[in-house]
């Protein structure tokens, strides 16, 4: 495990794959629209998604070579998507009963 965290590229790739997997899980639960499970899973998955994405973004700064910029951009886009979705959820929370 110690060798894994010393390699910034592996951590960044694992973080990106985990983020994409969690996005798919969120969309899957939303499409199934099971009300009780969806609300509970969102409360569990979103903090994990935020932490994983921030971890990958920080580790992207330590990547050497030409691969640094694409990983920084991908993690930044992921953080923007999370922030935007939280903003939209908070904005429309009391929109309809």
C-alpha atoms as a PDB file:
ATOM      1  CA  UNK A   1       0.000   0.000   0.000  1.00  0.00           C
ATOM      2  CA  UNK A   2       2.910   2.322   0.719  1.00  0.00           C
ATOM      3  CA  UNK A   3       4.255   1.895  -2.813  1.00  0.00           C
ATOM      4  CA  UNK A   4       0.823   2.688  -4.243  1.00  0.00           C
ATOM      5  CA  UNK A   5       0.627   6.115  -2.570  1.00  0.00           C
ATOM      6  CA  UNK A   6       4.186   6.964  -3.599  1.00  0.00           C
ATOM      7  CA  UNK A   7       3.283   6.703  -7.289  1.00  0.00           C
ATOM      8  CA  UNK A   8       1.188   9.785  -8.068  1.00  0.00           C
ATOM      9  CA  UNK A   9       0.123   8.539 -11.510  1.00  0.00           C
ATOM     10  CA  UNK A  10      -1.372   5.316 -10.119  1.00  0.00           C
ATOM     11  CA  UNK A  11      -3.232   7.192  -7.385  1.00  0.00           C
ATOM     12  CA  UNK A  12      -4.587   9.697  -9.888  1.00  0.00           C
ATOM     13  CA  UNK A  13      -5.756   6.964 -12.273  1.00  0.00           C
ATOM     14  CA  UNK A  14      -7.374   5.000  -9.440  1.00  0.00           C
ATOM     15  CA  UNK A  15      -9.099   8.153  -8.237  1.00  0.00           C
ATOM     16  CA  UNK A  16     -10.411   8.916 -11.710  1.00  0.00           C
ATOM     17  CA  UNK A  17     -11.718   5.370 -12.179  1.00  0.00           C
ATOM     18  CA  UNK A  18     -13.356   5.445  -8.746  1.00  0.00           C
ATOM     19  CA  UNK A  19     -14.957   8.813  -9.490  1.00  0.00           C
ATOM     20  CA  UNK A  20     -16.381   7.586 -12.785  1.00  0.00           C
ATOM     21  CA  UNK A  21     -17.677   4.434 -11.100  1.00  0.00           C
ATOM     22  CA  UNK A  22     -19.394   6.465  -8.384  1.00  0.00           C
ATOM     23  CA  UNK A  23     -20.955   8.762 -11.006  1.00  0.00           C
ATOM     24  CA  UNK A  24     -22.355   5.689 -12.781  1.00  0.00           C
ATOM     25  CA  UNK A  25     -23.716   4.341  -9.484  1.00  0.00           C
ATOM     26  CA  UNK A  26     -25.419   7.667  -8.739  1.00  0.00           C
ATOM     27  CA  UNK A  27     -26.969   7.813 -12.205  1.00  0.00           C
ATOM     28  CA  UNK A  28     -28.034   4.175 -11.928  1.00  0.00           C
ATOM     29  CA  UNK A  29     -29.784   4.753  -8.616  1.00  0.00           C
ATOM     30  CA  UNK A  30     -31.415   7.876 -10.036  1.00  0.00           C
ATOM     31  CA  UNK A  31     -32.704   6.011 -13.081  1.00  0.00           C
ATOM     32  CA  UNK A  32     -34.056   3.230 -10.884  1.00  0.00           C
ATOM     33  CA  UNK A  33     -35.568   5.997  -8.741  1.00  0.00           C
ATOM     34  CA  UNK A  34     -36.099   3.891  -5.678  1.00  0.00           C
ATOM     35  CA  UNK A  35     -36.895   6.752  -3.308  1.00  0.00           C
ATOM     36  CA  UNK A  36     -35.686   5.312   0.000  1.00  0.00           C
ATOM     37  CA  UNK A  37     -32.491   3.839  -1.356  1.00  0.00           C
ATOM     38  CA  UNK A  38     -31.638   6.838  -3.575  1.00  0.00           C
ATOM     39  CA  UNK A  39     -31.671   9.389  -0.760  1.00  0.00           C
ATOM     40  CA  UNK A  40     -29.635   7.209   1.559  1.00  0.00           C
ATOM     41  CA  UNK A  41     -27.088   6.258  -1.090  1.00  0.00           C
ATOM     42  CA  UNK A  42     -26.600   9.866  -2.160  1.00  0.00           C
ATOM     43  CA  UNK A  43     -25.807  10.839   1.418  1.00  0.00           C
ATOM     44  CA  UNK A  44     -23.160   8.104   1.512  1.00  0.00           C
ATOM     45  CA  UNK A  45     -21.731   8.320  -2.016  1.00  0.00           C
ATOM     46  CA  UNK A  46     -21.354  12.101  -2.462  1.00  0.00           C
ATOM     47  CA  UNK A  47     -18.895  12.682   0.424  1.00  0.00           C
ATOM     48  CA  UNK A  48     -16.831   9.699  -0.754  1.00  0.00           C
ATOM     49  CA  UNK A  49     -16.918  11.068  -4.297  1.00  0.00           C
ATOM     50  CA  UNK A  50     -15.767  14.497  -3.131  1.00  0.00           C
ATOM     51  CA  UNK A  51     -12.896  13.080  -1.076  1.00  0.00           C
ATOM     52  CA  UNK A  52     -11.715  10.750  -3.830  1.00  0.00           C
ATOM     53  CA  UNK A  53     -11.796  13.517  -6.422  1.00  0.00           C
ATOM     54  CA  UNK A  54      -9.907  15.967  -4.201  1.00  0.00           C
ATOM     55  CA  UNK A  55      -7.315  13.275  -3.443  1.00  0.00           C
ATOM     56  CA  UNK A  56      -6.837  12.608  -7.154  1.00  0.00           C
ATOM     57  CA  UNK A  57      -6.627  16.338  -7.914  1.00  0.00           C
ATOM     58  CA  UNK A  58      -3.921  16.856  -5.293  1.00  0.00           C
ATOM     59  CA  UNK A  59      -1.940  13.838  -6.476  1.00  0.00           C
ATOM     60  CA  UNK A  60      -2.192  15.102 -10.069  1.00  0.00           C
ATOM     61  CA  UNK A  61       0.131  17.966  -9.169  1.00  0.00           C
ATOM     62  CA  UNK A  62       2.894  15.460  -8.414  1.00  0.00           C
ATOM     63  CA  UNK A  63       2.719  13.635 -11.755  1.00  0.00           C
ATOM     64  CA  UNK A  64       5.798  14.159 -13.875  1.00  0.00           C
ATOM     65  CA  UNK A  65       5.704  14.461 -17.636  1.00  0.00           C
ATOM     66  CA  UNK A  66       3.086  15.263 -20.212  1.00  0.00           C
ATOM     67  CA  UNK A  67       0.348  13.359 -18.378  1.00  0.00           C
ATOM     68  CA  UNK A  68       0.050  16.007 -15.660  1.00  0.00           C
ATOM     69  CA  UNK A  69      -2.181  18.478 -17.537  1.00  0.00           C
ATOM     70  CA  UNK A  70      -4.863  16.003 -18.742  1.00  0.00           C
ATOM     71  CA  UNK A  71      -5.259  14.521 -15.256  1.00  0.00           C
ATOM     72  CA  UNK A  72      -5.474  17.975 -13.678  1.00  0.00           C
ATOM     73  CA  UNK A  73      -8.141  18.971 -16.193  1.00  0.00           C
ATOM     74  CA  UNK A  74     -10.146  15.759 -15.728  1.00  0.00           C
ATOM     75  CA  UNK A  75     -10.119  16.039 -11.940  1.00  0.00           C
ATOM     76  CA  UNK A  76     -10.980  19.740 -12.136  1.00  0.00           C
ATOM     77  CA  UNK A  77     -13.942  18.975 -14.404  1.00  0.00           C
ATOM     78  CA  UNK A  78     -15.079  16.329 -11.937  1.00  0.00           C
ATOM     79  CA  UNK A  79     -14.893  18.812  -9.050  1.00  0.00           C
ATOM     80  CA  UNK A  80     -16.847  21.367 -11.103  1.00  0.00           C
ATOM     81  CA  UNK A  81     -19.526  18.775 -11.886  1.00  0.00           C
ATOM     82  CA  UNK A  82     -19.871  17.877  -8.211  1.00  0.00           C
ATOM     83  CA  UNK A  83     -20.057  21.539  -7.202  1.00  0.00           C
ATOM     84  CA  UNK A  84     -22.616  22.344  -9.887  1.00  0.00           C
ATOM     85  CA  UNK A  85     -24.819  19.383  -9.003  1.00  0.00           C
ATOM     86  CA  UNK A  86     -24.754  20.305  -5.305  1.00  0.00           C
ATOM     87  CA  UNK A  87     -25.666  23.898  -6.231  1.00  0.00           C
ATOM     88  CA  UNK A  88     -28.557  22.722  -8.418  1.00  0.00           C
ATOM     89  CA  UNK A  89     -29.787  20.333  -5.720  1.00  0.00           C
ATOM     90  CA  UNK A  90     -29.735  23.094  -3.115  1.00  0.00           C
ATOM     91  CA  UNK A  91     -31.425  25.556  -5.467  1.00  0.00           C
ATOM     92  CA  UNK A  92     -34.300  23.287  -6.394  1.00  0.00           C
ATOM     93  CA  UNK A  93     -34.753  21.711  -2.973  1.00  0.00           C
ATOM     94  CA  UNK A  94     -37.973  23.608  -2.181  1.00  0.00           C
ATOM     95  CA  UNK A  95     -39.037  24.146  -5.794  1.00  0.00           C
ATOM     96  CA  UNK A  96     -41.842  21.598  -5.875  1.00  0.00           C
ATOM     97  CA  UNK A  97     -43.655  19.802  -3.081  1.00  0.00           C
END
